[in-house]
């Protein structure tokens, strides 16, 4: 699964190149990168906001708390309390025909 860090790095570079990137655009790019490498995305999202508790729904808006096709809000923003939003980028790759996959995640915007 050497593709995991490579796809993560490409996703991070895509994020870094667009100051107004939305969750939808980043998800589409991660999906494209995975497909190009011969994988499927193994989960419905490609990451989430960092919060006080893992995988909490931040600000009461599920789509806006995750990197998903439904998240059309800019990822670089502040939350309702005025704090800068920080993100985890998750790469879940699966090969359903062969019955295996892998997972890789890191902070997206602080490293």
PDB file of N, CA and C in Angstrom:
ATOM      1  N   UNK A   1       0.822  -1.207   0.000  1.00  0.00           N
ATOM      2  CA  UNK A   1       0.000   0.000   0.000  1.00  0.00           C
ATOM      3  C   UNK A   1       0.863   1.267   0.000  1.00  0.00           C
ATOM      4  N   UNK A   2       1.870   1.231  -0.840  1.00  0.00           N
ATOM      5  CA  UNK A   2       2.736   2.397  -0.992  1.00  0.00           C
ATOM      6  C   UNK A   2       1.985   3.615  -1.521  1.00  0.00           C
ATOM      7  N   UNK A   3       0.814   3.380  -2.089  1.00  0.00           N
ATOM      8  CA  UNK A   3       0.027   4.490  -2.626  1.00  0.00           C
ATOM      9  C   UNK A   3      -0.547   5.387  -1.536  1.00  0.00           C
ATOM     10  N   UNK A   4      -0.698   4.895  -0.315  1.00  0.00           N
ATOM     11  CA  UNK A   4      -1.336   5.684   0.745  1.00  0.00           C
ATOM     12  C   UNK A   4      -0.632   7.024   0.981  1.00  0.00           C
ATOM     13  N   UNK A   5       0.652   7.049   1.338  1.00  0.00           N
ATOM     14  CA  UNK A   5       1.280   8.353   1.574  1.00  0.00           C
ATOM     15  C   UNK A   5       1.399   9.198   0.307  1.00  0.00           C
ATOM     16  N   UNK A   6       1.548   8.566  -0.844  1.00  0.00           N
ATOM     17  CA  UNK A   6       1.639   9.307  -2.099  1.00  0.00           C
ATOM     18  C   UNK A   6       0.324  10.034  -2.392  1.00  0.00           C
ATOM     19  N   UNK A   7      -0.797   9.345  -2.210  1.00  0.00           N
ATOM     20  CA  UNK A   7      -2.104   9.967  -2.444  1.00  0.00           C
ATOM     21  C   UNK A   7      -2.377  11.032  -1.390  1.00  0.00           C
ATOM     22  N   UNK A   8      -1.976  10.771  -0.147  1.00  0.00           N
ATOM     23  CA  UNK A   8      -2.119  11.791   0.893  1.00  0.00           C
ATOM     24  C   UNK A   8      -1.351  13.055   0.502  1.00  0.00           C
ATOM     25  N   UNK A   9      -0.090  12.893   0.124  1.00  0.00           N
ATOM     26  CA  UNK A   9       0.737  14.051  -0.234  1.00  0.00           C
ATOM     27  C   UNK A   9       0.153  14.815  -1.418  1.00  0.00           C
ATOM     28  N   UNK A  10      -0.370  14.099  -2.404  1.00  0.00           N
ATOM     29  CA  UNK A  10      -0.990  14.759  -3.555  1.00  0.00           C
ATOM     30  C   UNK A  10      -2.264  15.491  -3.133  1.00  0.00           C
ATOM     31  N   UNK A  11      -3.046  14.895  -2.236  1.00  0.00           N
ATOM     32  CA  UNK A  11      -4.240  15.562  -1.719  1.00  0.00           C
ATOM     33  C   UNK A  11      -3.888  16.804  -0.927  1.00  0.00           C
ATOM     34  N   UNK A  12      -2.839  16.719  -0.115  1.00  0.00           N
ATOM     35  CA  UNK A  12      -2.387  17.884   0.658  1.00  0.00           C
ATOM     36  C   UNK A  12      -1.917  18.994  -0.286  1.00  0.00           C
ATOM     37  N   UNK A  13      -1.186  18.644  -1.330  1.00  0.00           N
ATOM     38  CA  UNK A  13      -0.717  19.645  -2.290  1.00  0.00           C
ATOM     39  C   UNK A  13      -1.897  20.309  -3.001  1.00  0.00           C
ATOM     40  N   UNK A  14      -2.918  19.533  -3.331  1.00  0.00           N
ATOM     41  CA  UNK A  14      -4.120  20.073  -3.966  1.00  0.00           C
ATOM     42  C   UNK A  14      -4.802  21.065  -3.022  1.00  0.00           C
ATOM     43  N   UNK A  15      -4.901  20.715  -1.748  1.00  0.00           N
ATOM     44  CA  UNK A  15      -5.457  21.600  -0.720  1.00  0.00           C
ATOM     45  C   UNK A  15      -4.632  22.890  -0.635  1.00  0.00           C
ATOM     46  N   UNK A  16      -3.318  22.750  -0.577  1.00  0.00           N
ATOM     47  CA  UNK A  16      -2.435  23.906  -0.407  1.00  0.00           C
ATOM     48  C   UNK A  16      -2.501  24.865  -1.591  1.00  0.00           C
ATOM     49  N   UNK A  17      -2.784  24.342  -2.772  1.00  0.00           N
ATOM     50  CA  UNK A  17      -2.782  25.157  -3.989  1.00  0.00           C
ATOM     51  C   UNK A  17      -4.026  26.021  -4.161  1.00  0.00           C
ATOM     52  N   UNK A  18      -5.059  25.776  -3.374  1.00  0.00           N
ATOM     53  CA  UNK A  18      -6.327  26.488  -3.562  1.00  0.00           C
ATOM     54  C   UNK A  18      -6.827  27.037  -2.230  1.00  0.00           C
ATOM     55  N   UNK A  19      -6.610  28.320  -1.960  1.00  0.00           N
ATOM     56  CA  UNK A  19      -7.034  28.896  -0.682  1.00  0.00           C
ATOM     57  C   UNK A  19      -8.538  28.821  -0.422  1.00  0.00           C
ATOM     58  N   UNK A  20      -9.350  28.683  -1.474  1.00  0.00           N
ATOM     59  CA  UNK A  20     -10.811  28.643  -1.310  1.00  0.00           C
ATOM     60  C   UNK A  20     -11.377  27.237  -1.491  1.00  0.00           C
ATOM     61  N   UNK A  21     -10.543  26.211  -1.393  1.00  0.00           N
ATOM     62  CA  UNK A  21     -10.990  24.841  -1.660  1.00  0.00           C
ATOM     63  C   UNK A  21     -12.131  24.435  -0.729  1.00  0.00           C
ATOM     64  N   UNK A  22     -13.074  23.708  -1.291  1.00  0.00           N
ATOM     65  CA  UNK A  22     -14.201  23.185  -0.513  1.00  0.00           C
ATOM     66  C   UNK A  22     -13.970  21.708  -0.200  1.00  0.00           C
ATOM     67  N   UNK A  23     -14.754  21.196   0.727  1.00  0.00           N
ATOM     68  CA  UNK A  23     -14.695  19.771   1.025  1.00  0.00           C
ATOM     69  C   UNK A  23     -15.043  18.935  -0.186  1.00  0.00           C
ATOM     70  N   UNK A  24     -15.994  19.383  -0.956  1.00  0.00           N
ATOM     71  CA  UNK A  24     -16.415  18.669  -2.159  1.00  0.00           C
ATOM     72  C   UNK A  24     -15.278  18.553  -3.175  1.00  0.00           C
ATOM     73  N   UNK A  25     -14.575  19.642  -3.412  1.00  0.00           N
ATOM     74  CA  UNK A  25     -13.474  19.622  -4.392  1.00  0.00           C
ATOM     75  C   UNK A  25     -12.328  18.738  -3.926  1.00  0.00           C
ATOM     76  N   UNK A  26     -11.994  18.796  -2.628  1.00  0.00           N
ATOM     77  CA  UNK A  26     -10.901  17.957  -2.133  1.00  0.00           C
ATOM     78  C   UNK A  26     -11.295  16.487  -2.164  1.00  0.00           C
ATOM     79  N   UNK A  27     -12.534  16.174  -1.803  1.00  0.00           N
ATOM     80  CA  UNK A  27     -13.001  14.785  -1.859  1.00  0.00           C
ATOM     81  C   UNK A  27     -12.921  14.260  -3.293  1.00  0.00           C
ATOM     82  N   UNK A  28     -13.361  15.050  -4.251  1.00  0.00           N
ATOM     83  CA  UNK A  28     -13.321  14.623  -5.653  1.00  0.00           C
ATOM     84  C   UNK A  28     -11.891  14.357  -6.110  1.00  0.00           C
ATOM     85  N   UNK A  29     -10.955  15.172  -5.668  1.00  0.00           N
ATOM     86  CA  UNK A  29      -9.560  14.974  -6.054  1.00  0.00           C
ATOM     87  C   UNK A  29      -8.984  13.710  -5.419  1.00  0.00           C
ATOM     88  N   UNK A  30      -9.275  13.470  -4.152  1.00  0.00           N
ATOM     89  CA  UNK A  30      -8.799  12.242  -3.496  1.00  0.00           C
ATOM     90  C   UNK A  30      -9.388  11.023  -4.195  1.00  0.00           C
ATOM     91  N   UNK A  31     -10.654  11.098  -4.533  1.00  0.00           N
ATOM     92  CA  UNK A  31     -11.297   9.993  -5.248  1.00  0.00           C
ATOM     93  C   UNK A  31     -10.646   9.768  -6.620  1.00  0.00           C
ATOM     94  N   UNK A  32     -10.345  10.845  -7.322  1.00  0.00           N
ATOM     95  CA  UNK A  32      -9.685  10.746  -8.624  1.00  0.00           C
ATOM     96  C   UNK A  32      -8.298  10.122  -8.486  1.00  0.00           C
ATOM     97  N   UNK A  33      -7.536  10.574  -7.501  1.00  0.00           N
ATOM     98  CA  UNK A  33      -6.191  10.035  -7.277  1.00  0.00           C
ATOM     99  C   UNK A  33      -6.240   8.543  -6.962  1.00  0.00           C
ATOM    100  N   UNK A  34      -7.196   8.144  -6.131  1.00  0.00           N
ATOM    101  CA  UNK A  34      -7.337   6.728  -5.771  1.00  0.00           C
ATOM    102  C   UNK A  34      -7.685   5.895  -7.001  1.00  0.00           C
ATOM    103  N   UNK A  35      -8.656   6.361  -7.754  1.00  0.00           N
ATOM    104  CA  UNK A  35      -9.089   5.641  -8.957  1.00  0.00           C
ATOM    105  C   UNK A  35      -7.942   5.525  -9.963  1.00  0.00           C
ATOM    106  N   UNK A  36      -7.197   6.608 -10.131  1.00  0.00           N
ATOM    107  CA  UNK A  36      -6.060   6.618 -11.052  1.00  0.00           C
ATOM    108  C   UNK A  36      -4.997   5.583 -10.646  1.00  0.00           C
ATOM    109  N   UNK A  37      -4.881   5.321  -9.347  1.00  0.00           N
ATOM    110  CA  UNK A  37      -3.908   4.347  -8.839  1.00  0.00           C
ATOM    111  C   UNK A  37      -4.486   2.932  -8.764  1.00  0.00           C
ATOM    112  N   UNK A  38      -5.755   2.767  -9.180  1.00  0.00           N
ATOM    113  CA  UNK A  38      -6.364   1.440  -9.203  1.00  0.00           C
ATOM    114  C   UNK A  38      -7.099   1.044  -7.938  1.00  0.00           C
ATOM    115  N   UNK A  39      -7.456   2.019  -7.108  1.00  0.00           N
ATOM    116  CA  UNK A  39      -8.143   1.765  -5.842  1.00  0.00           C
ATOM    117  C   UNK A  39      -9.543   2.361  -5.849  1.00  0.00           C
ATOM    118  N   UNK A  40     -10.328   1.949  -4.858  1.00  0.00           N
ATOM    119  CA  UNK A  40     -11.593   2.607  -4.531  1.00  0.00           C
ATOM    120  C   UNK A  40     -11.417   3.299  -3.187  1.00  0.00           C
ATOM    121  N   UNK A  41     -12.209   4.341  -2.973  1.00  0.00           N
ATOM    122  CA  UNK A  41     -12.272   4.965  -1.655  1.00  0.00           C
ATOM    123  C   UNK A  41     -13.128   4.058  -0.780  1.00  0.00           C
ATOM    124  N   UNK A  42     -12.660   3.752   0.421  1.00  0.00           N
ATOM    125  CA  UNK A  42     -13.336   2.771   1.259  1.00  0.00           C
ATOM    126  C   UNK A  42     -14.282   3.332   2.296  1.00  0.00           C
ATOM    127  N   UNK A  43     -14.529   4.629   2.299  1.00  0.00           N
ATOM    128  CA  UNK A  43     -15.405   5.240   3.298  1.00  0.00           C
ATOM    129  C   UNK A  43     -16.069   6.461   2.657  1.00  0.00           C
ATOM    130  N   UNK A  44     -17.126   6.937   3.257  1.00  0.00           N
ATOM    131  CA  UNK A  44     -17.937   8.008   2.667  1.00  0.00           C
ATOM    132  C   UNK A  44     -17.298   9.393   2.746  1.00  0.00           C
ATOM    133  N   UNK A  45     -16.224   9.539   3.493  1.00  0.00           N
ATOM    134  CA  UNK A  45     -15.570  10.848   3.598  1.00  0.00           C
ATOM    135  C   UNK A  45     -14.066  10.687   3.419  1.00  0.00           C
ATOM    136  N   UNK A  46     -13.387  11.820   3.241  1.00  0.00           N
ATOM    137  CA  UNK A  46     -11.929  11.805   3.090  1.00  0.00           C
ATOM    138  C   UNK A  46     -11.256  12.590   4.204  1.00  0.00           C
ATOM    139  N   UNK A  47     -11.981  12.802   5.304  1.00  0.00           N
ATOM    140  CA  UNK A  47     -11.399  13.502   6.441  1.00  0.00           C
ATOM    141  C   UNK A  47     -12.456  14.244   7.234  1.00  0.00           C
ATOM    142  N   UNK A  48     -11.989  14.907   8.297  1.00  0.00           N
ATOM    143  CA  UNK A  48     -12.919  15.576   9.208  1.00  0.00           C
ATOM    144  C   UNK A  48     -12.232  16.708   9.946  1.00  0.00           C
ATOM    145  N   UNK A  49     -13.053  17.575  10.501  1.00  0.00           N
ATOM    146  CA  UNK A  49     -12.552  18.637  11.360  1.00  0.00           C
ATOM    147  C   UNK A  49     -11.911  18.041  12.599  1.00  0.00           C
ATOM    148  N   UNK A  50     -10.907  18.719  13.115  1.00  0.00           N
ATOM    149  CA  UNK A  50     -10.345  18.370  14.411  1.00  0.00           C
ATOM    150  C   UNK A  50     -11.248  19.029  15.446  1.00  0.00           C
ATOM    151  N   UNK A  51     -11.693  18.255  16.435  1.00  0.00           N
ATOM    152  CA  UNK A  51     -12.574  18.793  17.460  1.00  0.00           C
ATOM    153  C   UNK A  51     -12.159  18.339  18.838  1.00  0.00           C
ATOM    154  N   UNK A  52     -12.951  18.711  19.817  1.00  0.00           N
ATOM    155  CA  UNK A  52     -12.664  18.317  21.187  1.00  0.00           C
ATOM    156  C   UNK A  52     -12.801  16.823  21.381  1.00  0.00           C
ATOM    157  N   UNK A  53     -13.697  16.203  20.642  1.00  0.00           N
ATOM    158  CA  UNK A  53     -13.905  14.766  20.730  1.00  0.00           C
ATOM    159  C   UNK A  53     -13.806  14.191  19.325  1.00  0.00           C
ATOM    160  N   UNK A  54     -13.208  13.024  19.176  1.00  0.00           N
ATOM    161  CA  UNK A  54     -13.058  12.463  17.835  1.00  0.00           C
ATOM    162  C   UNK A  54     -14.398  12.305  17.118  1.00  0.00           C
ATOM    163  N   UNK A  55     -14.419  12.716  15.887  1.00  0.00           N
ATOM    164  CA  UNK A  55     -15.560  12.530  14.983  1.00  0.00           C
ATOM    165  C   UNK A  55     -16.856  13.159  15.492  1.00  0.00           C
ATOM    166  N   UNK A  56     -16.740  14.187  16.325  1.00  0.00           N
ATOM    167  CA  UNK A  56     -17.944  14.894  16.730  1.00  0.00           C
ATOM    168  C   UNK A  56     -18.482  15.678  15.538  1.00  0.00           C
ATOM    169  N   UNK A  57     -19.753  15.974  15.578  1.00  0.00           N
ATOM    170  CA  UNK A  57     -20.333  16.836  14.554  1.00  0.00           C
ATOM    171  C   UNK A  57     -20.115  18.262  15.032  1.00  0.00           C
ATOM    172  N   UNK A  58     -19.236  18.964  14.373  1.00  0.00           N
ATOM    173  CA  UNK A  58     -18.881  20.316  14.767  1.00  0.00           C
ATOM    174  C   UNK A  58     -19.903  21.304  14.236  1.00  0.00           C
ATOM    175  N   UNK A  59     -20.244  22.266  15.038  1.00  0.00           N
ATOM    176  CA  UNK A  59     -21.182  23.321  14.661  1.00  0.00           C
ATOM    177  C   UNK A  59     -22.552  22.787  14.253  1.00  0.00           C
ATOM    178  N   UNK A  60     -22.865  21.549  14.573  1.00  0.00           N
ATOM    179  CA  UNK A  60     -24.172  20.991  14.277  1.00  0.00           C
ATOM    180  C   UNK A  60     -24.428  20.708  12.811  1.00  0.00           C
ATOM    181  N   UNK A  61     -23.412  20.778  11.981  1.00  0.00           N
ATOM    182  CA  UNK A  61     -23.589  20.562  10.541  1.00  0.00           C
ATOM    183  C   UNK A  61     -22.708  19.406  10.097  1.00  0.00           C
ATOM    184  N   UNK A  62     -23.299  18.247   9.926  1.00  0.00           N
ATOM    185  CA  UNK A  62     -22.516  17.055   9.611  1.00  0.00           C
ATOM    186  C   UNK A  62     -21.707  17.219   8.329  1.00  0.00           C
ATOM    187  N   UNK A  63     -22.328  17.622   7.236  1.00  0.00           N
ATOM    188  CA  UNK A  63     -21.600  17.735   5.969  1.00  0.00           C
ATOM    189  C   UNK A  63     -20.439  18.713   6.083  1.00  0.00           C
ATOM    190  N   UNK A  64     -20.622  19.786   6.811  1.00  0.00           N
ATOM    191  CA  UNK A  64     -19.575  20.794   6.940  1.00  0.00           C
ATOM    192  C   UNK A  64     -18.470  20.379   7.897  1.00  0.00           C
ATOM    193  N   UNK A  65     -18.654  19.270   8.598  1.00  0.00           N
ATOM    194  CA  UNK A  65     -17.642  18.760   9.520  1.00  0.00           C
ATOM    195  C   UNK A  65     -16.750  17.712   8.875  1.00  0.00           C
ATOM    196  N   UNK A  66     -17.038  17.361   7.625  1.00  0.00           N
ATOM    197  CA  UNK A  66     -16.311  16.297   6.937  1.00  0.00           C
ATOM    198  C   UNK A  66     -15.917  16.731   5.531  1.00  0.00           C
ATOM    199  N   UNK A  67     -14.914  16.070   4.989  1.00  0.00           N
ATOM    200  CA  UNK A  67     -14.516  16.259   3.598  1.00  0.00           C
ATOM    201  C   UNK A  67     -15.339  15.265   2.789  1.00  0.00           C
ATOM    202  N   UNK A  68     -16.462  15.747   2.258  1.00  0.00           N
ATOM    203  CA  UNK A  68     -17.431  14.909   1.549  1.00  0.00           C
ATOM    204  C   UNK A  68     -17.884  15.602   0.266  1.00  0.00           C
ATOM    205  N   UNK A  69     -18.533  14.849  -0.620  1.00  0.00           N
ATOM    206  CA  UNK A  69     -19.095  15.477  -1.822  1.00  0.00           C
ATOM    207  C   UNK A  69     -20.148  16.539  -1.496  1.00  0.00           C
ATOM    208  N   UNK A  70     -20.786  16.433  -0.348  1.00  0.00           N
ATOM    209  CA  UNK A  70     -21.854  17.370   0.030  1.00  0.00           C
ATOM    210  C   UNK A  70     -21.336  18.656   0.666  1.00  0.00           C
ATOM    211  N   UNK A  71     -20.054  18.725   0.991  1.00  0.00           N
ATOM    212  CA  UNK A  71     -19.521  19.889   1.698  1.00  0.00           C
ATOM    213  C   UNK A  71     -19.019  20.942   0.712  1.00  0.00           C
ATOM    214  N   UNK A  72     -19.881  21.901   0.419  1.00  0.00           N
ATOM    215  CA  UNK A  72     -19.531  22.971  -0.509  1.00  0.00           C
ATOM    216  C   UNK A  72     -19.005  24.217   0.195  1.00  0.00           C
ATOM    217  N   UNK A  73     -18.672  24.101   1.472  1.00  0.00           N
ATOM    218  CA  UNK A  73     -18.131  25.246   2.204  1.00  0.00           C
ATOM    219  C   UNK A  73     -16.606  25.231   2.127  1.00  0.00           C
ATOM    220  N   UNK A  74     -15.991  26.398   2.146  1.00  0.00           N
ATOM    221  CA  UNK A  74     -14.527  26.441   2.150  1.00  0.00           C
ATOM    222  C   UNK A  74     -13.975  25.748   3.401  1.00  0.00           C
ATOM    223  N   UNK A  75     -12.915  24.985   3.227  1.00  0.00           N
ATOM    224  CA  UNK A  75     -12.304  24.308   4.370  1.00  0.00           C
ATOM    225  C   UNK A  75     -11.533  25.295   5.242  1.00  0.00           C
ATOM    226  N   UNK A  76     -10.973  26.317   4.630  1.00  0.00           N
ATOM    227  CA  UNK A  76     -10.266  27.347   5.403  1.00  0.00           C
ATOM    228  C   UNK A  76     -11.304  28.359   5.872  1.00  0.00           C
ATOM    229  N   UNK A  77     -11.664  28.231   7.125  1.00  0.00           N
ATOM    230  CA  UNK A  77     -12.689  29.102   7.696  1.00  0.00           C
ATOM    231  C   UNK A  77     -12.561  29.072   9.212  1.00  0.00           C
ATOM    232  N   UNK A  78     -13.417  29.810   9.865  1.00  0.00           N
ATOM    233  CA  UNK A  78     -13.491  29.742  11.323  1.00  0.00           C
ATOM    234  C   UNK A  78     -14.806  29.081  11.709  1.00  0.00           C
ATOM    235  N   UNK A  79     -14.825  28.506  12.911  1.00  0.00           N
ATOM    236  CA  UNK A  79     -16.062  27.904  13.400  1.00  0.00           C
ATOM    237  C   UNK A  79     -16.928  28.982  14.045  1.00  0.00           C
ATOM    238  N   UNK A  80     -18.063  28.583  14.582  1.00  0.00           N
ATOM    239  CA  UNK A  80     -18.997  29.556  15.161  1.00  0.00           C
ATOM    240  C   UNK A  80     -18.411  30.299  16.352  1.00  0.00           C
ATOM    241  N   UNK A  81     -17.386  29.715  16.987  1.00  0.00           N
ATOM    242  CA  UNK A  81     -16.725  30.370  18.118  1.00  0.00           C
ATOM    243  C   UNK A  81     -15.569  31.261  17.656  1.00  0.00           C
ATOM    244  N   UNK A  82     -15.331  31.332  16.350  1.00  0.00           N
ATOM    245  CA  UNK A  82     -14.273  32.169  15.817  1.00  0.00           C
ATOM    246  C   UNK A  82     -12.902  31.511  15.757  1.00  0.00           C
ATOM    247  N   UNK A  83     -12.838  30.215  16.043  1.00  0.00           N
ATOM    248  CA  UNK A  83     -11.562  29.489  16.001  1.00  0.00           C
ATOM    249  C   UNK A  83     -11.280  29.014  14.577  1.00  0.00           C
ATOM    250  N   UNK A  84     -10.017  29.017  14.204  1.00  0.00           N
ATOM    251  CA  UNK A  84      -9.614  28.497  12.899  1.00  0.00           C
ATOM    252  C   UNK A  84      -9.911  27.008  12.833  1.00  0.00           C
ATOM    253  N   UNK A  85     -10.537  26.575  11.758  1.00  0.00           N
ATOM    254  CA  UNK A  85     -10.819  25.147  11.557  1.00  0.00           C
ATOM    255  C   UNK A  85      -9.557  24.445  11.067  1.00  0.00           C
ATOM    256  N   UNK A  86      -9.265  23.305  11.657  1.00  0.00           N
ATOM    257  CA  UNK A  86      -8.150  22.463  11.230  1.00  0.00           C
ATOM    258  C   UNK A  86      -8.708  21.103  10.850  1.00  0.00           C
ATOM    259  N   UNK A  87      -8.047  20.456   9.890  1.00  0.00           N
ATOM    260  CA  UNK A  87      -8.587  19.260   9.264  1.00  0.00           C
ATOM    261  C   UNK A  87      -7.634  18.082   9.323  1.00  0.00           C
ATOM    262  N   UNK A  88      -8.213  16.894   9.415  1.00  0.00           N
ATOM    263  CA  UNK A  88      -7.517  15.622   9.232  1.00  0.00           C
ATOM    264  C   UNK A  88      -7.876  15.147   7.824  1.00  0.00           C
ATOM    265  N   UNK A  89      -6.876  14.814   7.021  1.00  0.00           N
ATOM    266  CA  UNK A  89      -7.125  14.196   5.721  1.00  0.00           C
ATOM    267  C   UNK A  89      -6.953  12.695   5.896  1.00  0.00           C
ATOM    268  N   UNK A  90      -7.985  11.920   5.559  1.00  0.00           N
ATOM    269  CA  UNK A  90      -7.969  10.462   5.691  1.00  0.00           C
ATOM    270  C   UNK A  90      -7.989   9.834   4.305  1.00  0.00           C
ATOM    271  N   UNK A  91      -7.076   8.926   4.094  1.00  0.00           N
ATOM    272  CA  UNK A  91      -7.032   8.186   2.839  1.00  0.00           C
ATOM    273  C   UNK A  91      -7.367   6.733   3.154  1.00  0.00           C
ATOM    274  N   UNK A  92      -8.519   6.276   2.700  1.00  0.00           N
ATOM    275  CA  UNK A  92      -8.964   4.880   2.846  1.00  0.00           C
ATOM    276  C   UNK A  92      -8.964   4.274   1.451  1.00  0.00           C
ATOM    277  N   UNK A  93      -8.089   3.338   1.203  1.00  0.00           N
ATOM    278  CA  UNK A  93      -8.027   2.686  -0.103  1.00  0.00           C
ATOM    279  C   UNK A  93      -8.426   1.229   0.043  1.00  0.00           C
ATOM    280  N   UNK A  94      -9.267   0.741  -0.866  1.00  0.00           N
ATOM    281  CA  UNK A  94      -9.673  -0.666  -0.833  1.00  0.00           C
ATOM    282  C   UNK A  94      -9.615  -1.264  -2.233  1.00  0.00           C
ATOM    283  N   UNK A  95      -9.313  -2.549  -2.243  1.00  0.00           N
ATOM    284  CA  UNK A  95      -9.409  -3.374  -3.445  1.00  0.00           C
ATOM    285  C   UNK A  95     -10.418  -4.456  -3.091  1.00  0.00           C
ATOM    286  N   UNK A  96     -11.679  -4.217  -3.417  1.00  0.00           N
ATOM    287  CA  UNK A  96     -12.750  -5.136  -3.010  1.00  0.00           C
ATOM    288  C   UNK A  96     -12.591  -6.513  -3.650  1.00  0.00           C
ATOM    289  N   UNK A  97     -12.115  -6.566  -4.876  1.00  0.00           N
ATOM    290  CA  UNK A  97     -11.955  -7.853  -5.560  1.00  0.00           C
ATOM    291  C   UNK A  97     -10.922  -8.732  -4.863  1.00  0.00           C
ATOM    292  N   UNK A  98      -9.878  -8.120  -4.343  1.00  0.00           N
ATOM    293  CA  UNK A  98      -8.826  -8.890  -3.687  1.00  0.00           C
ATOM    294  C   UNK A  98      -8.990  -8.940  -2.173  1.00  0.00           C
ATOM    295  N   UNK A  99      -9.947  -8.177  -1.638  1.00  0.00           N
ATOM    296  CA  UNK A  99     -10.298  -8.269  -0.226  1.00  0.00           C
ATOM    297  C   UNK A  99      -9.327  -7.627   0.746  1.00  0.00           C
ATOM    298  N   UNK A 100      -8.717  -6.507   0.368  1.00  0.00           N
ATOM    299  CA  UNK A 100      -7.853  -5.821   1.324  1.00  0.00           C
ATOM    300  C   UNK A 100      -7.850  -4.327   1.044  1.00  0.00           C
ATOM    301  N   UNK A 101      -7.269  -3.599   1.977  1.00  0.00           N
ATOM    302  CA  UNK A 101      -7.179  -2.159   1.840  1.00  0.00           C
ATOM    303  C   UNK A 101      -6.254  -1.592   2.884  1.00  0.00           C
ATOM    304  N   UNK A 102      -6.207  -0.278   2.950  1.00  0.00           N
ATOM    305  CA  UNK A 102      -5.355   0.394   3.920  1.00  0.00           C
ATOM    306  C   UNK A 102      -5.891   1.768   4.261  1.00  0.00           C
ATOM    307  N   UNK A 103      -5.296   2.345   5.296  1.00  0.00           N
ATOM    308  CA  UNK A 103      -5.776   3.603   5.852  1.00  0.00           C
ATOM    309  C   UNK A 103      -4.571   4.447   6.239  1.00  0.00           C
ATOM    310  N   UNK A 104      -4.659   5.756   5.980  1.00  0.00           N
ATOM    311  CA  UNK A 104      -3.570   6.683   6.300  1.00  0.00           C
ATOM    312  C   UNK A 104      -4.205   8.023   6.624  1.00  0.00           C
ATOM    313  N   UNK A 105      -3.809   8.635   7.742  1.00  0.00           N
ATOM    314  CA  UNK A 105      -4.353   9.949   8.075  1.00  0.00           C
ATOM    315  C   UNK A 105      -3.304  10.800   8.765  1.00  0.00           C
ATOM    316  N   UNK A 106      -3.388  12.096   8.529  1.00  0.00           N
ATOM    317  CA  UNK A 106      -2.536  13.077   9.190  1.00  0.00           C
ATOM    318  C   UNK A 106      -3.262  14.413   9.182  1.00  0.00           C
ATOM    319  N   UNK A 107      -2.746  15.334  10.005  1.00  0.00           N
ATOM    320  CA  UNK A 107      -3.253  16.695   9.935  1.00  0.00           C
ATOM    321  C   UNK A 107      -3.007  17.233   8.538  1.00  0.00           C
ATOM    322  N   UNK A 108      -3.987  17.879   8.003  1.00  0.00           N
ATOM    323  CA  UNK A 108      -3.904  18.392   6.641  1.00  0.00           C
ATOM    324  C   UNK A 108      -3.211  19.743   6.581  1.00  0.00           C
ATOM    325  N   UNK A 109      -3.543  20.618   7.494  1.00  0.00           N
ATOM    326  CA  UNK A 109      -3.163  22.014   7.328  1.00  0.00           C
ATOM    327  C   UNK A 109      -2.171  22.556   8.338  1.00  0.00           C
ATOM    328  N   UNK A 110      -1.656  21.730   9.227  1.00  0.00           N
ATOM    329  CA  UNK A 110      -0.703  22.226  10.214  1.00  0.00           C
ATOM    330  C   UNK A 110       0.704  21.694   9.997  1.00  0.00           C
ATOM    331  N   UNK A 111       0.847  20.732   9.118  1.00  0.00           N
ATOM    332  CA  UNK A 111       2.168  20.112   8.930  1.00  0.00           C
ATOM    333  C   UNK A 111       2.929  20.786   7.810  1.00  0.00           C
TER     334      UNK A 111
END
